[in-house]
């Protein structure tokens, strides 16, 4: 436990930072990268390069006020079916560039709420995947679910299709918090959802919790963590709420004075971690927890844990192909993001023959070096700057910036090795930011003092 109080921690390390699920981060994406560049990068993939697949379904049955994702409510079944057809069309165009029968070990459906995709559409998408790719026998096939809106028969469908993992949003179980967030979800609903998917043969269960929500207290978040731990999900993600009403208008419905202050947020995070560790979960990186036998915990222990746009993962692939509106692809030479709004995504696929890419960023050799350093820190909480990554770099500026972390007991330096201590886990993003050379240029490019932050709060 750090000797630095939560209030002092906020004063020293507060502010706004990326979550570092990529480097450069999405804040560096511009329309300088478009369909032509994306196609060039895809064609350049080595023939034997394995890939992972991510399908983004941006629909929800109802919108939660706290959510910062690009989502909308789609009531019409025909619209959902048509979107499933577009996913298959985009996938066909991608395969025309990368070639067929590439090896796939990880497939994820995210959103939004991917179960809004009708059963027949989901079957067709996976049929196309198996037609175009070589899906390995041990593939991880995952989907996000909303326990309040699981269509009848969907758990059995997931079992039949070979899904191995589901991820459930819970966030908080306190009624007053749920009312403020516009998301009413009982413990019984969550428990029933976990039981029915497990009975269908989907053995992996992830749960998402959030601290820093309106009206939360240390006691209430601890109670939520304890009750959810009693269901024994394999993994939990514990995120700090990102209040960005200038980006998401729905968050303006949350009263500002109901949000806990930064020091209280930190205390909530600490209480939740204490509860989960007492329940037998191991802390993973910045904000994940896993049972000791879970593959994520084993990956953290043996140094193979990775981080991409889906967060912490056991996926070792260097290529992630994102399909759907706003989906992001990770390629060796850069990142690309599809058109974000569904209507524009639909028009792009209907009116053009290329990819529906809107923006992205190329990665320089320096970006790749710093990206590896940042990913190592975020995943293993340590990095050897010279032996593993930095031949020809002296990192003098970075060593100087790490001194306050060393003085506070958050970082230990041993030659070229940087190690974040357990006490430093809450400021892991701050340590990673020391190696981010894009942040300063992004900040200086922001017009005027009234401009809003590009990133969520660091603590």
Protein backbone atom coordinates (compact mmCIF):
# COMPACT_ATOMS: atom_id res chain seq x y z
CA UNK A 1 0.00 0.00 0.00
CA UNK A 2 1.35 3.42 -0.96
CA UNK A 3 2.22 5.97 1.71
CA UNK A 4 0.86 8.65 -0.65
CA UNK A 5 -2.67 9.62 0.34
CA UNK A 6 -5.46 9.52 -2.30
CA UNK A 7 -5.67 13.33 -2.21
CA UNK A 8 -1.92 13.73 -2.81
CA UNK A 9 -2.05 11.04 -5.49
CA UNK A 10 -4.67 13.05 -7.39
CA UNK A 11 -2.64 16.24 -7.03
CA UNK A 12 0.53 14.59 -8.36
CA UNK A 13 -0.84 12.21 -10.97
CA UNK A 14 -4.31 13.49 -11.86
CA UNK A 15 -5.27 14.79 -15.27
CA UNK A 16 -6.33 13.01 -18.43
CA UNK A 17 -4.53 10.11 -20.10
CA UNK A 18 -5.13 7.47 -22.78
CA UNK A 19 -5.98 3.91 -21.78
CA UNK A 20 -3.14 2.73 -24.05
CA UNK A 21 -4.97 -0.01 -25.89
CA UNK A 22 -2.85 1.07 -28.87
CA UNK A 23 0.12 3.27 -29.68
CA UNK A 24 -0.25 5.75 -31.21
CA UNK A 25 -3.66 6.10 -29.56
CA UNK A 26 -6.93 6.78 -31.35
CA UNK A 27 -6.48 10.49 -30.62
CA UNK A 28 -3.80 10.48 -33.33
CA UNK A 29 -6.13 9.08 -35.98
CA UNK A 30 -6.78 11.40 -38.93
CA UNK A 31 -8.36 11.17 -42.38
CA UNK A 32 -4.85 11.19 -43.85
CA UNK A 33 -5.25 7.40 -43.62
CA UNK A 34 -8.21 6.18 -45.64
CA UNK A 35 -9.40 3.23 -47.74
CA UNK A 36 -6.45 3.29 -50.14
CA UNK A 37 -3.87 3.13 -47.34
CA UNK A 38 -5.84 0.43 -45.53
CA UNK A 39 -5.97 -1.69 -48.68
CA UNK A 40 -2.23 -1.28 -49.21
CA UNK A 41 -1.49 -2.40 -45.65
CA UNK A 42 -3.82 -5.40 -45.96
CA UNK A 43 -2.27 -6.53 -49.24
CA UNK A 44 1.19 -6.30 -47.66
CA UNK A 45 0.45 -8.88 -44.95
CA UNK A 46 2.74 -11.92 -45.24
CA UNK A 47 0.83 -14.96 -46.57
CA UNK A 48 1.37 -16.97 -43.40
CA UNK A 49 0.38 -14.14 -40.98
CA UNK A 50 -2.39 -15.26 -38.63
CA UNK A 51 -5.19 -12.79 -37.91
CA UNK A 52 -7.84 -12.15 -35.28
CA UNK A 53 -11.36 -10.92 -36.03
CA UNK A 54 -13.52 -8.34 -34.30
CA UNK A 55 -17.15 -7.69 -35.31
CA UNK A 56 -18.76 -4.50 -34.04
CA UNK A 57 -22.54 -4.45 -33.62
CA UNK A 58 -23.49 -0.91 -32.54
CA UNK A 59 -27.11 -1.58 -31.53
CA UNK A 60 -28.61 -1.73 -28.03
CA UNK A 61 -32.16 -2.36 -26.82
CA UNK A 62 -31.82 0.69 -24.57
CA UNK A 63 -29.08 3.24 -23.99
CA UNK A 64 -27.23 3.61 -20.68
CA UNK A 65 -26.38 7.17 -19.65
CA UNK A 66 -22.82 6.39 -18.58
CA UNK A 67 -21.82 4.66 -21.82
CA UNK A 68 -19.24 6.35 -24.03
CA UNK A 69 -19.56 3.96 -26.99
CA UNK A 70 -21.00 4.70 -30.43
CA UNK A 71 -24.36 2.97 -30.04
CA UNK A 72 -27.96 3.43 -31.12
CA UNK A 73 -31.31 1.71 -30.64
CA UNK A 74 -32.40 -0.37 -33.63
CA UNK A 75 -35.95 -1.65 -33.13
CA UNK A 76 -36.55 -3.08 -36.59
CA UNK A 77 -35.56 -6.67 -37.24
CA UNK A 78 -35.03 -5.89 -40.92
CA UNK A 79 -32.42 -3.27 -40.02
CA UNK A 80 -30.53 -5.73 -37.85
CA UNK A 81 -30.61 -8.38 -40.57
CA UNK A 82 -29.39 -5.86 -43.15
CA UNK A 83 -26.49 -4.92 -40.86
CA UNK A 84 -25.50 -8.58 -40.55
CA UNK A 85 -25.43 -8.78 -44.35
CA UNK A 86 -23.12 -5.75 -44.44
CA UNK A 87 -20.73 -7.38 -41.97
CA UNK A 88 -20.40 -10.31 -44.35
CA UNK A 89 -19.93 -7.99 -47.34
CA UNK A 90 -17.16 -6.04 -45.61
CA UNK A 91 -15.51 -9.30 -44.55
CA UNK A 92 -15.62 -10.49 -48.18
CA UNK A 93 -13.84 -7.30 -49.29
CA UNK A 94 -11.18 -7.71 -46.63
CA UNK A 95 -10.53 -11.33 -47.63
CA UNK A 96 -10.16 -10.24 -51.25
CA UNK A 97 -7.17 -8.18 -50.06
CA UNK A 98 -5.54 -10.49 -47.51
CA UNK A 99 -6.26 -13.78 -49.22
CA UNK A 100 -8.36 -16.73 -48.01
CA UNK A 101 -7.73 -19.37 -45.38
CA UNK A 102 -5.61 -17.36 -42.98
CA UNK A 103 -5.34 -18.89 -39.51
CA UNK A 104 -7.66 -17.43 -36.83
CA UNK A 105 -7.41 -18.12 -33.10
CA UNK A 106 -9.52 -15.28 -31.67
CA UNK A 107 -12.93 -13.98 -32.76
CA UNK A 108 -14.89 -11.42 -30.78
CA UNK A 109 -18.30 -9.79 -31.18
CA UNK A 110 -18.58 -6.46 -29.37
CA UNK A 111 -20.75 -3.38 -29.38
CA UNK A 112 -23.24 -2.14 -28.42
CA UNK A 113 -25.00 -5.39 -27.73
CA UNK A 114 -24.02 -8.04 -30.30
CA UNK A 115 -26.93 -10.28 -29.34
CA UNK A 116 -29.17 -7.75 -31.13
CA UNK A 117 -27.89 -9.52 -34.25
CA UNK A 118 -30.65 -12.01 -35.12
CA UNK A 119 -29.81 -15.69 -34.70
CA UNK A 120 -29.89 -16.38 -38.44
CA UNK A 121 -27.58 -13.41 -39.10
CA UNK A 122 -25.06 -14.57 -36.49
CA UNK A 123 -25.05 -18.03 -38.04
CA UNK A 124 -24.44 -16.53 -41.48
CA UNK A 125 -21.58 -14.32 -40.27
CA UNK A 126 -19.83 -17.28 -38.65
CA UNK A 127 -20.49 -19.39 -41.73
CA UNK A 128 -18.66 -16.76 -43.77
CA UNK A 129 -15.82 -16.71 -41.26
CA UNK A 130 -15.38 -20.47 -41.55
CA UNK A 131 -15.60 -20.24 -45.33
CA UNK A 132 -12.97 -17.50 -45.67
CA UNK A 133 -10.58 -18.38 -42.83
CA UNK A 134 -8.97 -21.41 -41.23
CA UNK A 135 -10.55 -21.31 -37.78
CA UNK A 136 -8.24 -23.21 -35.45
CA UNK A 137 -9.69 -25.94 -33.17
CA UNK A 138 -8.86 -24.03 -29.97
CA UNK A 139 -10.31 -20.72 -31.16
CA UNK A 140 -11.55 -18.29 -28.52
CA UNK A 141 -14.99 -17.16 -29.68
CA UNK A 142 -16.38 -14.41 -27.46
CA UNK A 143 -19.41 -12.15 -27.26
CA UNK A 144 -20.57 -9.28 -25.07
CA UNK A 145 -24.05 -9.77 -23.58
CA UNK A 146 -26.52 -7.53 -21.74
CA UNK A 147 -28.13 -9.74 -19.05
CA UNK A 148 -31.31 -7.64 -19.26
CA UNK A 149 -31.82 -8.35 -22.96
CA UNK A 150 -30.81 -11.89 -23.89
CA UNK A 151 -33.11 -13.16 -26.66
CA UNK A 152 -34.89 -16.44 -25.99
CA UNK A 153 -32.74 -19.33 -27.16
CA UNK A 154 -29.62 -17.20 -27.63
CA UNK A 155 -27.50 -18.96 -24.98
CA UNK A 156 -28.16 -22.32 -26.65
CA UNK A 157 -27.31 -20.73 -30.00
CA UNK A 158 -23.97 -19.55 -28.62
CA UNK A 159 -23.26 -23.03 -27.32
CA UNK A 160 -24.18 -24.61 -30.66
CA UNK A 161 -21.92 -22.18 -32.56
CA UNK A 162 -18.93 -22.95 -30.34
CA UNK A 163 -18.68 -19.76 -28.32
CA UNK A 164 -16.20 -20.14 -25.48
CA UNK A 165 -16.58 -16.86 -23.57
CA UNK A 166 -19.14 -14.19 -22.77
CA UNK A 167 -18.62 -10.77 -21.24
CA UNK A 168 -21.39 -9.23 -19.15
CA UNK A 169 -21.83 -5.61 -18.21
CA UNK A 170 -22.95 -5.20 -14.60
CA UNK A 171 -21.29 -1.92 -13.52
CA UNK A 172 -23.06 -1.59 -10.12
CA UNK A 173 -25.86 -3.30 -8.19
CA UNK A 174 -26.98 -0.34 -6.04
CA UNK A 175 -30.49 0.79 -7.00
CA UNK A 176 -29.79 4.52 -6.63
CA UNK A 177 -26.71 4.24 -8.83
CA UNK A 178 -28.62 2.28 -11.46
CA UNK A 179 -31.41 4.86 -11.47
CA UNK A 180 -28.93 7.69 -12.11
CA UNK A 181 -27.26 5.66 -14.88
CA UNK A 182 -30.51 4.65 -16.55
CA UNK A 183 -29.64 0.97 -16.25
CA UNK A 184 -31.78 -1.23 -14.02
CA UNK A 185 -30.27 -4.69 -13.66
CA UNK A 186 -30.86 -6.94 -10.70
CA UNK A 187 -28.40 -9.39 -9.23
CA UNK A 188 -30.91 -12.14 -10.08
CA UNK A 189 -30.81 -11.17 -13.78
CA UNK A 190 -27.03 -11.33 -13.81
CA UNK A 191 -26.94 -14.64 -11.96
CA UNK A 192 -29.56 -16.17 -14.27
CA UNK A 193 -27.66 -15.06 -17.36
CA UNK A 194 -24.39 -16.57 -16.14
CA UNK A 195 -26.11 -19.83 -15.18
CA UNK A 196 -27.91 -20.24 -18.50
CA UNK A 197 -24.85 -19.57 -20.68
CA UNK A 198 -22.76 -21.94 -18.60
CA UNK A 199 -25.47 -24.58 -18.95
CA UNK A 200 -25.31 -24.04 -22.72
CA UNK A 201 -21.62 -24.91 -22.70
CA UNK A 202 -20.08 -21.43 -22.75
CA UNK A 203 -17.58 -21.88 -19.93
CA UNK A 204 -15.69 -18.56 -19.85
CA UNK A 205 -17.41 -15.66 -18.10
CA UNK A 206 -16.15 -12.07 -17.82
CA UNK A 207 -17.90 -9.33 -15.84
CA UNK A 208 -17.40 -5.57 -16.12
CA UNK A 209 -17.71 -3.33 -13.05
CA UNK A 210 -17.29 0.45 -12.85
CA UNK A 211 -16.29 2.81 -10.03
CA UNK A 212 -16.72 6.57 -10.04
CA UNK A 213 -20.40 6.37 -11.04
CA UNK A 214 -23.02 8.73 -9.57
CA UNK A 215 -23.87 8.13 -5.89
CA UNK A 216 -21.36 5.30 -5.47
CA UNK A 217 -19.56 4.96 -2.13
CA UNK A 218 -16.72 2.78 -0.91
CA UNK A 219 -19.23 0.58 0.86
CA UNK A 220 -21.55 0.22 -2.13
CA UNK A 221 -18.82 -0.71 -4.61
CA UNK A 222 -17.38 -3.22 -2.14
CA UNK A 223 -20.82 -4.80 -1.76
CA UNK A 224 -21.23 -5.03 -5.53
CA UNK A 225 -17.77 -6.57 -5.97
CA UNK A 226 -18.44 -9.10 -3.23
CA UNK A 227 -21.81 -10.20 -4.65
CA UNK A 228 -20.49 -10.52 -8.18
CA UNK A 229 -17.45 -12.47 -6.95
CA UNK A 230 -19.86 -14.96 -5.37
CA UNK A 231 -20.89 -15.94 -8.93
CA UNK A 232 -17.23 -16.85 -9.64
CA UNK A 233 -16.76 -15.24 -13.04
CA UNK A 234 -13.38 -16.21 -14.45
CA UNK A 235 -12.38 -12.58 -15.05
CA UNK A 236 -13.48 -9.13 -14.00
CA UNK A 237 -12.66 -5.76 -15.50
CA UNK A 238 -12.93 -2.84 -13.06
CA UNK A 239 -12.99 0.44 -14.96
CA UNK A 240 -13.08 4.02 -13.77
CA UNK A 241 -16.10 5.85 -15.16
CA UNK A 242 -15.10 8.28 -17.93
CA UNK A 243 -17.36 11.33 -17.70
CA UNK A 244 -17.10 12.97 -21.12
CA UNK A 245 -20.42 14.82 -21.64
CA UNK A 246 -18.84 16.96 -24.38
CA UNK A 247 -18.45 13.75 -26.41
CA UNK A 248 -21.53 11.81 -25.28
CA UNK A 249 -24.68 13.91 -24.86
CA UNK A 250 -26.45 11.15 -22.92
CA UNK A 251 -23.98 11.68 -20.05
CA UNK A 252 -25.40 15.17 -19.56
CA UNK A 253 -28.37 13.46 -17.89
CA UNK A 254 -26.06 12.47 -15.03
CA UNK A 255 -25.94 15.22 -12.36
CA UNK A 256 -22.37 16.48 -11.99
CA UNK A 257 -22.73 16.83 -8.22
CA UNK A 258 -23.61 13.13 -7.90
CA UNK A 259 -20.18 12.02 -9.11
CA UNK A 260 -17.55 11.10 -6.50
CA UNK A 261 -14.51 13.35 -6.26
CA UNK A 262 -11.17 12.04 -7.59
CA UNK A 263 -9.80 11.01 -4.18
CA UNK A 264 -13.04 9.15 -3.42
CA UNK A 265 -12.78 7.40 -6.81
CA UNK A 266 -9.34 6.13 -5.84
CA UNK A 267 -10.62 4.85 -2.51
CA UNK A 268 -13.42 3.04 -4.34
CA UNK A 269 -10.91 1.41 -6.65
CA UNK A 270 -8.80 0.28 -3.70
CA UNK A 271 -11.82 -1.19 -1.87
CA UNK A 272 -12.91 -3.15 -4.92
CA UNK A 273 -9.41 -4.53 -5.42
CA UNK A 274 -9.20 -5.52 -1.75
CA UNK A 275 -12.52 -7.38 -2.02
CA UNK A 276 -11.60 -9.19 -5.22
CA UNK A 277 -8.16 -10.21 -3.97
CA UNK A 278 -9.73 -11.51 -0.76
CA UNK A 279 -12.10 -13.56 -2.93
CA UNK A 280 -9.14 -15.23 -4.65
CA UNK A 281 -8.74 -13.11 -7.77
CA UNK A 282 -5.32 -12.03 -9.04
CA UNK A 283 -4.78 -8.44 -10.22
CA UNK A 284 -3.87 -8.26 -13.92
CA UNK A 285 -2.30 -5.11 -15.32
CA UNK A 286 -4.17 -1.89 -14.74
CA UNK A 287 -7.76 -2.95 -14.17
CA UNK A 288 -8.38 -6.68 -14.67
CA UNK A 289 -8.72 -9.53 -12.18
CA UNK A 290 -8.73 -13.26 -12.90
CA UNK A 291 -8.97 -16.55 -11.07
CA UNK A 292 -5.56 -18.27 -10.83
CA UNK A 293 -6.41 -21.00 -13.34
CA UNK A 294 -7.76 -18.65 -15.99
CA UNK A 295 -5.67 -18.27 -19.19
CA UNK A 296 -5.43 -14.52 -18.61
CA UNK A 297 -3.79 -15.08 -15.21
CA UNK A 298 -1.42 -17.65 -16.69
CA UNK A 299 -0.51 -15.25 -19.50
CA UNK A 300 0.25 -12.53 -16.96
CA UNK A 301 2.48 -14.90 -15.02
CA UNK A 302 4.42 -16.25 -18.01
CA UNK A 303 4.84 -12.90 -19.75
CA UNK A 304 2.58 -13.55 -22.76
CA UNK A 305 -0.23 -11.17 -21.79
CA UNK A 306 -1.12 -8.72 -24.57
CA UNK A 307 -3.16 -5.54 -24.86
CA UNK A 308 -5.22 -4.38 -27.83
CA UNK A 309 -8.46 -2.51 -28.51
CA UNK A 310 -10.42 -5.17 -26.61
CA UNK A 311 -8.25 -4.61 -23.52
CA UNK A 312 -6.12 -7.32 -21.92
CA UNK A 313 -6.04 -10.54 -23.93
CA UNK A 314 -4.22 -13.81 -24.48
CA UNK A 315 -4.34 -13.11 -28.23
CA UNK A 316 -0.78 -13.05 -29.59
CA UNK A 317 -1.71 -12.07 -33.15
CA UNK A 318 -0.17 -8.87 -34.51
CA UNK A 319 -3.16 -8.39 -36.82
CA UNK A 320 -6.69 -7.61 -35.68
CA UNK A 321 -9.24 -7.14 -38.47
CA UNK A 322 -12.13 -4.96 -37.32
CA UNK A 323 -15.43 -5.31 -39.19
CA UNK A 324 -18.49 -3.09 -38.75
CA UNK A 325 -19.29 0.55 -38.11
CA UNK A 326 -16.54 2.26 -36.03
CA UNK A 327 -14.50 -0.98 -35.81
CA UNK A 328 -10.73 -0.52 -35.52
CA UNK A 329 -8.16 -2.70 -37.26
CA UNK A 330 -4.63 -3.23 -35.96
CA UNK A 331 -2.03 -3.86 -38.67
CA UNK A 332 1.78 -3.97 -38.57
CA UNK A 333 2.06 -0.65 -40.39
CA UNK A 334 -0.76 1.24 -38.67
CA UNK A 335 -4.31 1.40 -37.37
CA UNK A 336 -7.51 2.07 -39.29
CA UNK A 337 -11.03 2.87 -38.12
CA UNK A 338 -14.24 2.42 -40.05
CA UNK A 339 -16.89 5.09 -40.51
CA UNK A 340 -18.55 5.50 -37.12
CA UNK A 341 -22.23 6.18 -37.88
CA UNK A 342 -24.32 3.27 -39.11
CA UNK A 343 -26.05 5.29 -41.83
CA UNK A 344 -22.75 6.45 -43.34
CA UNK A 345 -21.26 2.96 -43.01
CA UNK A 346 -24.26 1.54 -44.90
CA UNK A 347 -23.93 4.15 -47.66
CA UNK A 348 -20.20 3.53 -48.02
CA UNK A 349 -20.68 -0.19 -48.58
CA UNK A 350 -23.62 0.40 -50.91
CA UNK A 351 -22.05 3.14 -53.03
CA UNK A 352 -18.39 2.11 -53.13
CA UNK A 353 -16.39 -1.00 -53.94
CA UNK A 354 -13.62 -0.41 -51.38
CA UNK A 355 -13.40 -0.48 -47.61
CA UNK A 356 -15.52 1.75 -45.32
CA UNK A 357 -12.41 3.21 -43.63
CA UNK A 358 -12.69 6.78 -42.34
CA UNK A 359 -9.39 7.46 -40.60
CA UNK A 360 -6.30 5.97 -39.01
CA UNK A 361 -2.63 6.47 -38.32
CA UNK A 362 0.59 5.06 -39.76
CA UNK A 363 3.18 3.66 -37.34
CA UNK A 364 6.79 4.73 -37.64
CA UNK A 365 9.69 2.62 -36.42
CA UNK A 366 9.83 4.86 -33.34
CA UNK A 367 6.11 4.32 -32.76
CA UNK A 368 6.57 0.56 -32.88
CA UNK A 369 9.45 0.73 -30.40
CA UNK A 370 7.54 2.91 -27.97
CA UNK A 371 4.40 0.87 -28.49
CA UNK A 372 6.23 -2.27 -27.35
CA UNK A 373 7.57 -0.45 -24.30
CA UNK A 374 4.12 0.84 -23.35
CA UNK A 375 2.48 -2.55 -23.91
CA UNK A 376 5.12 -4.27 -21.77
CA UNK A 377 4.50 -1.81 -18.95
CA UNK A 378 0.73 -2.11 -19.21
CA UNK A 379 0.87 -5.92 -19.29
CA UNK A 380 3.81 -6.97 -17.11
CA UNK A 381 4.43 -3.73 -15.16
CA UNK A 382 8.09 -3.82 -16.15
CA UNK A 383 10.36 -3.34 -19.14
CA UNK A 384 14.08 -3.53 -19.87
CA UNK A 385 14.58 -0.50 -22.06
CA UNK A 386 17.92 -1.46 -23.53
CA UNK A 387 18.00 -5.25 -23.66
CA UNK A 388 14.54 -5.69 -25.14
CA UNK A 389 13.74 -2.49 -26.99
CA UNK A 390 16.03 0.45 -26.91
CA UNK A 391 19.31 -0.17 -28.66
CA UNK A 392 20.52 3.25 -29.74
CA UNK A 393 18.20 5.10 -27.34
CA UNK A 394 19.39 6.64 -24.08
CA UNK A 395 15.91 7.55 -22.73
CA UNK A 396 17.46 10.31 -20.58
CA UNK A 397 14.29 12.41 -20.73
CA UNK A 398 12.18 9.44 -19.68
CA UNK A 399 14.47 8.51 -16.78
CA UNK A 400 14.19 12.08 -15.50
CA UNK A 401 10.39 11.95 -15.76
CA UNK A 402 10.32 8.71 -13.76
CA UNK A 403 12.09 10.20 -10.71
CA UNK A 404 8.89 11.35 -8.96
CA UNK A 405 7.47 7.84 -9.35
CA UNK A 406 10.62 6.40 -7.79
CA UNK A 407 10.46 8.85 -4.89
CA UNK A 408 6.82 7.90 -4.23
CA UNK A 409 7.61 4.18 -4.27
CA UNK A 410 5.68 3.51 -7.48
CA UNK A 411 8.65 2.65 -9.71
CA UNK A 412 11.95 0.89 -9.15
CA UNK A 413 14.89 1.43 -11.52
CA UNK A 414 17.62 -1.16 -11.88
CA UNK A 415 19.96 -0.17 -14.67
CA UNK A 416 17.82 -0.11 -17.79
CA UNK A 417 14.99 -2.07 -16.14
CA UNK A 418 11.87 -0.14 -15.13
CA UNK A 419 9.55 -1.96 -12.74
CA UNK A 420 6.22 -0.66 -11.47
CA UNK A 421 5.55 -1.75 -7.88
CA UNK A 422 2.23 -3.06 -6.59
CA UNK A 423 1.66 0.34 -4.97
CA UNK A 424 2.15 1.90 -8.40
CA UNK A 425 -0.55 -0.16 -10.14
CA UNK A 426 -3.12 2.72 -10.03
CA UNK A 427 -0.65 5.02 -11.84
CA UNK A 428 0.36 2.47 -14.47
CA UNK A 429 -1.02 4.66 -17.26
CA UNK A 430 0.96 7.61 -15.92
CA UNK A 431 4.17 5.57 -16.11
CA UNK A 432 3.34 4.44 -19.65
CA UNK A 433 2.64 8.06 -20.62
CA UNK A 434 6.27 8.93 -19.90
CA UNK A 435 7.16 7.08 -23.11
CA UNK A 436 4.36 8.63 -25.19
CA UNK A 437 5.83 11.26 -27.52
CA UNK A 438 2.49 11.99 -29.23
CA UNK A 439 0.64 13.38 -26.21
CA UNK A 440 2.45 16.70 -26.10
CA UNK A 441 1.92 17.40 -29.79
CA UNK A 442 -1.75 16.48 -29.47
CA UNK A 443 -2.18 18.83 -26.51
CA UNK A 444 -0.44 21.71 -28.27
CA UNK A 445 -2.67 21.19 -31.30
CA UNK A 446 -5.84 21.60 -29.27
CA UNK A 447 -7.35 25.00 -30.15
CA UNK A 448 -7.91 27.41 -27.28
CA UNK A 449 -8.10 27.00 -23.55
CA UNK A 450 -11.78 26.11 -23.71
CA UNK A 451 -11.21 22.91 -25.68
CA UNK A 452 -12.15 19.71 -23.90
CA UNK A 453 -9.73 16.92 -22.92
CA UNK A 454 -9.19 14.17 -25.48
CA UNK A 455 -8.75 11.48 -22.85
CA UNK A 456 -10.52 10.21 -19.76
CA UNK A 457 -9.31 10.99 -16.24
CA UNK A 458 -6.10 9.22 -15.31
CA UNK A 459 -7.24 8.14 -11.82
